[in-house]
Amino acid sequence: MGISSTVPHVLWYYIFGRIPTGTGSGAIVQVALTQEGNGGDTYWSWYGFDSRVEWCAYFVSWCAEQSGYLESGVIPKFSLCSDGVDWFQGRGQFQDASYVPAAGDIIFFDWENDGTIDHVGIVESVMNGVVNTVEGNSGDICARRSYGMGSDSIYGYGVPAY
């Protein structure tokens, strides 16, 4: 490990108090980005519903399928956000909100801080203490969003073994 590869980690640690640990995958991010602005009918109908349902988990699952990660078992097909958390936790692939994610990690949210997992998205990038995401069912469309590292709304991260 040369100086050029360690300096960013050292600077990150001093600025944010955390060292990036994820390896990530850009493939699922690229699929998700092609869906920006779309509504949810593609994702809930792909999952088997014929009318609107809450669809953030279907979006993540659909993107995983399009990337080949469902077939390979890297990411599960899930309909409840809590089932996604359970799947990653059961494999030792879940990190709490203090973790520094990488592109392609799966971000889970608890909006009311009540222990109920309310929402899920895909990490696009992390820069300057900000987690950038692509999320389905965000304002009823696929949208890019940003959150400060350590935001109270972030429950944790599924870290797929890409």
C-alpha atoms as a PDB file:
ATOM      1  CA  MET A   1       0.000   0.000   0.000  1.00  0.00           C
ATOM      2  CA  GLY A   2       1.751   3.162  -1.182  1.00  0.00           C
ATOM      3  CA  ILE A   3       1.426   6.726   0.024  1.00  0.00           C
ATOM      4  CA  SER A   4      -1.071   7.628  -2.679  1.00  0.00           C
ATOM      5  CA  SER A   5      -3.487   4.913  -1.557  1.00  0.00           C
ATOM      6  CA  THR A   6      -3.201   5.629   2.179  1.00  0.00           C
ATOM      7  CA  VAL A   7      -3.362   9.406   2.194  1.00  0.00           C
ATOM      8  CA  PRO A   8      -7.065   9.619   1.276  1.00  0.00           C
ATOM      9  CA  HIS A   9      -7.927   7.202   4.097  1.00  0.00           C
ATOM     10  CA  VAL A  10      -5.844   9.158   6.581  1.00  0.00           C
ATOM     11  CA  LEU A  11      -7.363  12.476   5.527  1.00  0.00           C
ATOM     12  CA  TRP A  12     -10.850  10.972   5.641  1.00  0.00           C
ATOM     13  CA  TYR A  13     -10.187   9.765   9.177  1.00  0.00           C
ATOM     14  CA  TYR A  14      -9.030  13.159  10.389  1.00  0.00           C
ATOM     15  CA  ILE A  15     -11.872  15.021   8.701  1.00  0.00           C
ATOM     16  CA  PHE A  16     -14.738  12.628   9.433  1.00  0.00           C
ATOM     17  CA  GLY A  17     -13.408  10.341  12.185  1.00  0.00           C
ATOM     18  CA  ARG A  18     -14.002   7.235  10.067  1.00  0.00           C
ATOM     19  CA  ILE A  19     -11.950   5.237   7.628  1.00  0.00           C
ATOM     20  CA  PRO A  20     -13.781   4.089   4.468  1.00  0.00           C
ATOM     21  CA  THR A  21     -14.157   0.326   4.638  1.00  0.00           C
ATOM     22  CA  GLY A  22     -16.536  -0.649   1.803  1.00  0.00           C
ATOM     23  CA  THR A  23     -15.467  -2.022  -1.553  1.00  0.00           C
ATOM     24  CA  GLY A  24     -18.745  -1.466  -3.392  1.00  0.00           C
ATOM     25  CA  SER A  25     -19.851  -1.929  -6.961  1.00  0.00           C
ATOM     26  CA  GLY A  26     -20.544   0.686  -9.576  1.00  0.00           C
ATOM     27  CA  ALA A  27     -22.680  -1.688 -11.694  1.00  0.00           C
ATOM     28  CA  ILE A  28     -25.840  -1.460  -9.582  1.00  0.00           C
ATOM     29  CA  VAL A  29     -25.349   2.306  -9.268  1.00  0.00           C
ATOM     30  CA  GLN A  30     -25.217   2.693 -13.043  1.00  0.00           C
ATOM     31  CA  VAL A  31     -28.449   0.735 -13.437  1.00  0.00           C
ATOM     32  CA  ALA A  32     -30.138   2.823 -10.723  1.00  0.00           C
ATOM     33  CA  LEU A  33     -29.042   6.098 -12.308  1.00  0.00           C
ATOM     34  CA  THR A  34     -30.702   5.145 -15.612  1.00  0.00           C
ATOM     35  CA  GLN A  35     -34.022   5.075 -13.731  1.00  0.00           C
ATOM     36  CA  GLU A  36     -33.863   8.622 -12.318  1.00  0.00           C
ATOM     37  CA  GLY A  37     -37.223  10.361 -12.681  1.00  0.00           C
ATOM     38  CA  ASN A  38     -39.193   7.142 -13.328  1.00  0.00           C
ATOM     39  CA  GLY A  39     -42.319   6.199 -11.376  1.00  0.00           C
ATOM     40  CA  GLY A  40     -42.773   2.886  -9.616  1.00  0.00           C
ATOM     41  CA  ASP A  41     -44.969   0.847 -11.968  1.00  0.00           C
ATOM     42  CA  THR A  42     -41.973  -0.917 -13.563  1.00  0.00           C
ATOM     43  CA  TYR A  43     -40.707  -2.130 -10.189  1.00  0.00           C
ATOM     44  CA  TRP A  44     -43.937  -3.175  -8.465  1.00  0.00           C
ATOM     45  CA  SER A  45     -45.208  -4.918 -11.608  1.00  0.00           C
ATOM     46  CA  TRP A  46     -41.851  -6.713 -11.971  1.00  0.00           C
ATOM     47  CA  TYR A  47     -42.299  -7.910  -8.389  1.00  0.00           C
ATOM     48  CA  GLY A  48     -45.799  -9.184  -9.194  1.00  0.00           C
ATOM     49  CA  PHE A  49     -48.206  -6.450  -8.112  1.00  0.00           C
ATOM     50  CA  ASP A  50     -50.829  -5.028 -10.467  1.00  0.00           C
ATOM     51  CA  SER A  51     -51.311  -1.732  -8.627  1.00  0.00           C
ATOM     52  CA  ARG A  52     -49.283   0.752  -6.629  1.00  0.00           C
ATOM     53  CA  VAL A  53     -47.562  -0.363  -3.442  1.00  0.00           C
ATOM     54  CA  GLU A  54     -44.705   1.189  -1.471  1.00  0.00           C
ATOM     55  CA  TRP A  55     -41.871   0.350  -3.825  1.00  0.00           C
ATOM     56  CA  CYS A  56     -38.426   1.415  -2.562  1.00  0.00           C
ATOM     57  CA  ALA A  57     -37.378  -2.193  -1.844  1.00  0.00           C
ATOM     58  CA  TYR A  58     -38.736  -3.345  -5.215  1.00  0.00           C
ATOM     59  CA  PHE A  59     -36.569  -0.708  -6.883  1.00  0.00           C
ATOM     60  CA  VAL A  60     -33.422  -1.931  -5.116  1.00  0.00           C
ATOM     61  CA  SER A  61     -34.294  -5.559  -5.918  1.00  0.00           C
ATOM     62  CA  TRP A  62     -35.011  -4.687  -9.568  1.00  0.00           C
ATOM     63  CA  CYS A  63     -31.659  -2.893  -9.895  1.00  0.00           C
ATOM     64  CA  ALA A  64     -29.943  -5.923  -8.328  1.00  0.00           C
ATOM     65  CA  GLU A  65     -31.670  -8.195 -10.840  1.00  0.00           C
ATOM     66  CA  GLN A  66     -30.663  -5.981 -13.768  1.00  0.00           C
ATOM     67  CA  SER A  67     -27.050  -6.080 -12.518  1.00  0.00           C
ATOM     68  CA  GLY A  68     -27.017  -9.884 -12.161  1.00  0.00           C
ATOM     69  CA  TYR A  69     -26.791  -9.722  -8.374  1.00  0.00           C
ATOM     70  CA  LEU A  70     -30.083 -11.519  -7.637  1.00  0.00           C
ATOM     71  CA  GLU A  71     -29.107 -14.530  -9.714  1.00  0.00           C
ATOM     72  CA  SER A  72     -25.652 -14.663  -8.130  1.00  0.00           C
ATOM     73  CA  GLY A  73     -27.095 -14.314  -4.605  1.00  0.00           C
ATOM     74  CA  VAL A  74     -25.173 -11.123  -3.811  1.00  0.00           C
ATOM     75  CA  ILE A  75     -28.323  -9.114  -3.026  1.00  0.00           C
ATOM     76  CA  PRO A  76     -31.715 -10.586  -2.083  1.00  0.00           C
ATOM     77  CA  LYS A  77     -35.064 -10.004  -3.711  1.00  0.00           C
ATOM     78  CA  PHE A  78     -36.981  -8.338  -0.881  1.00  0.00           C
ATOM     79  CA  SER A  79     -40.232  -6.448  -0.463  1.00  0.00           C
ATOM     80  CA  LEU A  80     -39.947  -5.248   3.139  1.00  0.00           C
ATOM     81  CA  CYS A  81     -37.031  -3.038   4.119  1.00  0.00           C
ATOM     82  CA  SER A  82     -36.695  -4.980   7.374  1.00  0.00           C
ATOM     83  CA  ASP A  83     -36.307  -8.229   5.390  1.00  0.00           C
ATOM     84  CA  GLY A  84     -33.369  -6.664   3.555  1.00  0.00           C
ATOM     85  CA  VAL A  85     -31.744  -5.719   6.859  1.00  0.00           C
ATOM     86  CA  ASP A  86     -32.373  -9.229   8.241  1.00  0.00           C
ATOM     87  CA  TRP A  87     -30.820 -10.813   5.140  1.00  0.00           C
ATOM     88  CA  PHE A  88     -27.627  -8.757   5.384  1.00  0.00           C
ATOM     89  CA  GLN A  89     -27.420  -9.176   9.170  1.00  0.00           C
ATOM     90  CA  GLY A  90     -27.832 -12.950   8.846  1.00  0.00           C
ATOM     91  CA  ARG A  91     -24.756 -13.045   6.620  1.00  0.00           C
ATOM     92  CA  GLY A  92     -22.636 -10.711   8.740  1.00  0.00           C
ATOM     93  CA  GLN A  93     -22.866  -8.091   5.985  1.00  0.00           C
ATOM     94  CA  PHE A  94     -24.644  -5.303   7.838  1.00  0.00           C
ATOM     95  CA  GLN A  95     -22.991  -2.180   9.226  1.00  0.00           C
ATOM     96  CA  ASP A  96     -24.487   0.495  11.464  1.00  0.00           C
ATOM     97  CA  ALA A  97     -24.683   4.180  10.562  1.00  0.00           C
ATOM     98  CA  SER A  98     -21.087   4.843  11.702  1.00  0.00           C
ATOM     99  CA  TYR A  99     -19.765   2.813   8.756  1.00  0.00           C
ATOM    100  CA  VAL A 100     -18.427   4.681   5.737  1.00  0.00           C
ATOM    101  CA  PRO A 101     -20.211   3.127   2.752  1.00  0.00           C
ATOM    102  CA  ALA A 102     -19.031   2.582  -0.784  1.00  0.00           C
ATOM    103  CA  ALA A 103     -20.859   2.893  -4.092  1.00  0.00           C
ATOM    104  CA  GLY A 104     -23.271  -0.005  -4.425  1.00  0.00           C
ATOM    105  CA  ASP A 105     -23.872  -0.518  -0.713  1.00  0.00           C
ATOM    106  CA  ILE A 106     -27.537  -0.656   0.286  1.00  0.00           C
ATOM    107  CA  ILE A 107     -28.616   2.122   2.665  1.00  0.00           C
ATOM    108  CA  PHE A 108     -31.510   1.608   5.092  1.00  0.00           C
ATOM    109  CA  PHE A 109     -33.430   4.410   6.800  1.00  0.00           C
ATOM    110  CA  ASP A 110     -35.446   4.793  10.000  1.00  0.00           C
ATOM    111  CA  TRP A 111     -37.179   8.160   9.529  1.00  0.00           C
ATOM    112  CA  GLU A 112     -38.794   8.321  12.988  1.00  0.00           C
ATOM    113  CA  ASN A 113     -35.839   6.777  14.891  1.00  0.00           C
ATOM    114  CA  ASP A 114     -38.233   4.199  16.333  1.00  0.00           C
ATOM    115  CA  GLY A 115     -36.435   1.044  15.201  1.00  0.00           C
ATOM    116  CA  THR A 116     -38.738   0.564  12.198  1.00  0.00           C
ATOM    117  CA  ILE A 117     -36.921   0.404   8.881  1.00  0.00           C
ATOM    118  CA  ASP A 118     -38.911   2.763   6.640  1.00  0.00           C
ATOM    119  CA  HIS A 119     -36.955   3.119   3.417  1.00  0.00           C
ATOM    120  CA  VAL A 120     -34.045   1.750   1.388  1.00  0.00           C
ATOM    121  CA  GLY A 121     -31.818   3.005  -1.417  1.00  0.00           C
ATOM    122  CA  ILE A 122     -28.498   2.467  -3.157  1.00  0.00           C
ATOM    123  CA  VAL A 123     -25.344   4.386  -2.253  1.00  0.00           C
ATOM    124  CA  GLU A 124     -24.096   6.262  -5.295  1.00  0.00           C
ATOM    125  CA  SER A 125     -21.016   7.819  -3.666  1.00  0.00           C
ATOM    126  CA  VAL A 126     -19.624   9.357  -0.501  1.00  0.00           C
ATOM    127  CA  MET A 127     -17.835  12.689  -0.691  1.00  0.00           C
ATOM    128  CA  ASN A 128     -16.951  15.334   1.867  1.00  0.00           C
ATOM    129  CA  GLY A 129     -19.006  13.695   4.602  1.00  0.00           C
ATOM    130  CA  VAL A 130     -22.100  13.326   2.429  1.00  0.00           C
ATOM    131  CA  VAL A 131     -23.707  10.036   1.366  1.00  0.00           C
ATOM    132  CA  ASN A 132     -25.258  10.381  -2.102  1.00  0.00           C
ATOM    133  CA  THR A 133     -27.962   7.882  -2.968  1.00  0.00           C
ATOM    134  CA  VAL A 134     -30.343   6.725  -5.670  1.00  0.00           C
ATOM    135  CA  GLU A 135     -33.726   5.795  -4.218  1.00  0.00           C
ATOM    136  CA  GLY A 136     -37.001   4.489  -5.533  1.00  0.00           C
ATOM    137  CA  ASN A 137     -40.251   5.851  -4.103  1.00  0.00           C
ATOM    138  CA  SER A 138     -38.665   9.114  -3.059  1.00  0.00           C
ATOM    139  CA  GLY A 139     -41.417  11.615  -3.751  1.00  0.00           C
ATOM    140  CA  ASP A 140     -42.994   8.771  -5.784  1.00  0.00           C
ATOM    141  CA  ILE A 141     -40.132   8.757  -8.299  1.00  0.00           C
ATOM    142  CA  CYS A 142     -36.584   7.428  -8.581  1.00  0.00           C
ATOM    143  CA  ALA A 143     -34.425  10.242  -7.307  1.00  0.00           C
ATOM    144  CA  ARG A 144     -30.930  11.116  -6.203  1.00  0.00           C
ATOM    145  CA  ARG A 145     -30.704  12.264  -2.587  1.00  0.00           C
ATOM    146  CA  SER A 146     -27.944  13.265  -0.155  1.00  0.00           C
ATOM    147  CA  TYR A 147     -27.489  12.792   3.597  1.00  0.00           C
ATOM    148  CA  GLY A 148     -24.804  13.845   6.032  1.00  0.00           C
ATOM    149  CA  MET A 149     -22.651  11.033   7.401  1.00  0.00           C
ATOM    150  CA  GLY A 150     -24.097   9.936  10.710  1.00  0.00           C
ATOM    151  CA  SER A 151     -27.558  11.354   9.949  1.00  0.00           C
ATOM    152  CA  ASP A 152     -30.096  10.199  12.525  1.00  0.00           C
ATOM    153  CA  SER A 153     -32.258   8.918   9.658  1.00  0.00           C
ATOM    154  CA  ILE A 154     -29.654   6.392   8.499  1.00  0.00           C
ATOM    155  CA  TYR A 155     -30.279   3.026  10.161  1.00  0.00           C
ATOM    156  CA  GLY A 156     -27.326   1.265   8.540  1.00  0.00           C
ATOM    157  CA  TYR A 157     -25.947  -0.382   5.445  1.00  0.00           C
ATOM    158  CA  GLY A 158     -26.152  -3.718   3.715  1.00  0.00           C
ATOM    159  CA  VAL A 159     -22.692  -4.454   2.365  1.00  0.00           C
ATOM    160  CA  PRO A 160     -22.997  -6.935  -0.520  1.00  0.00           C
ATOM    161  CA  ALA A 161     -20.090  -9.314  -1.165  1.00  0.00           C
ATOM    162  CA  TYR A 162     -19.529  -8.152  -4.739  1.00  0.00           C
END
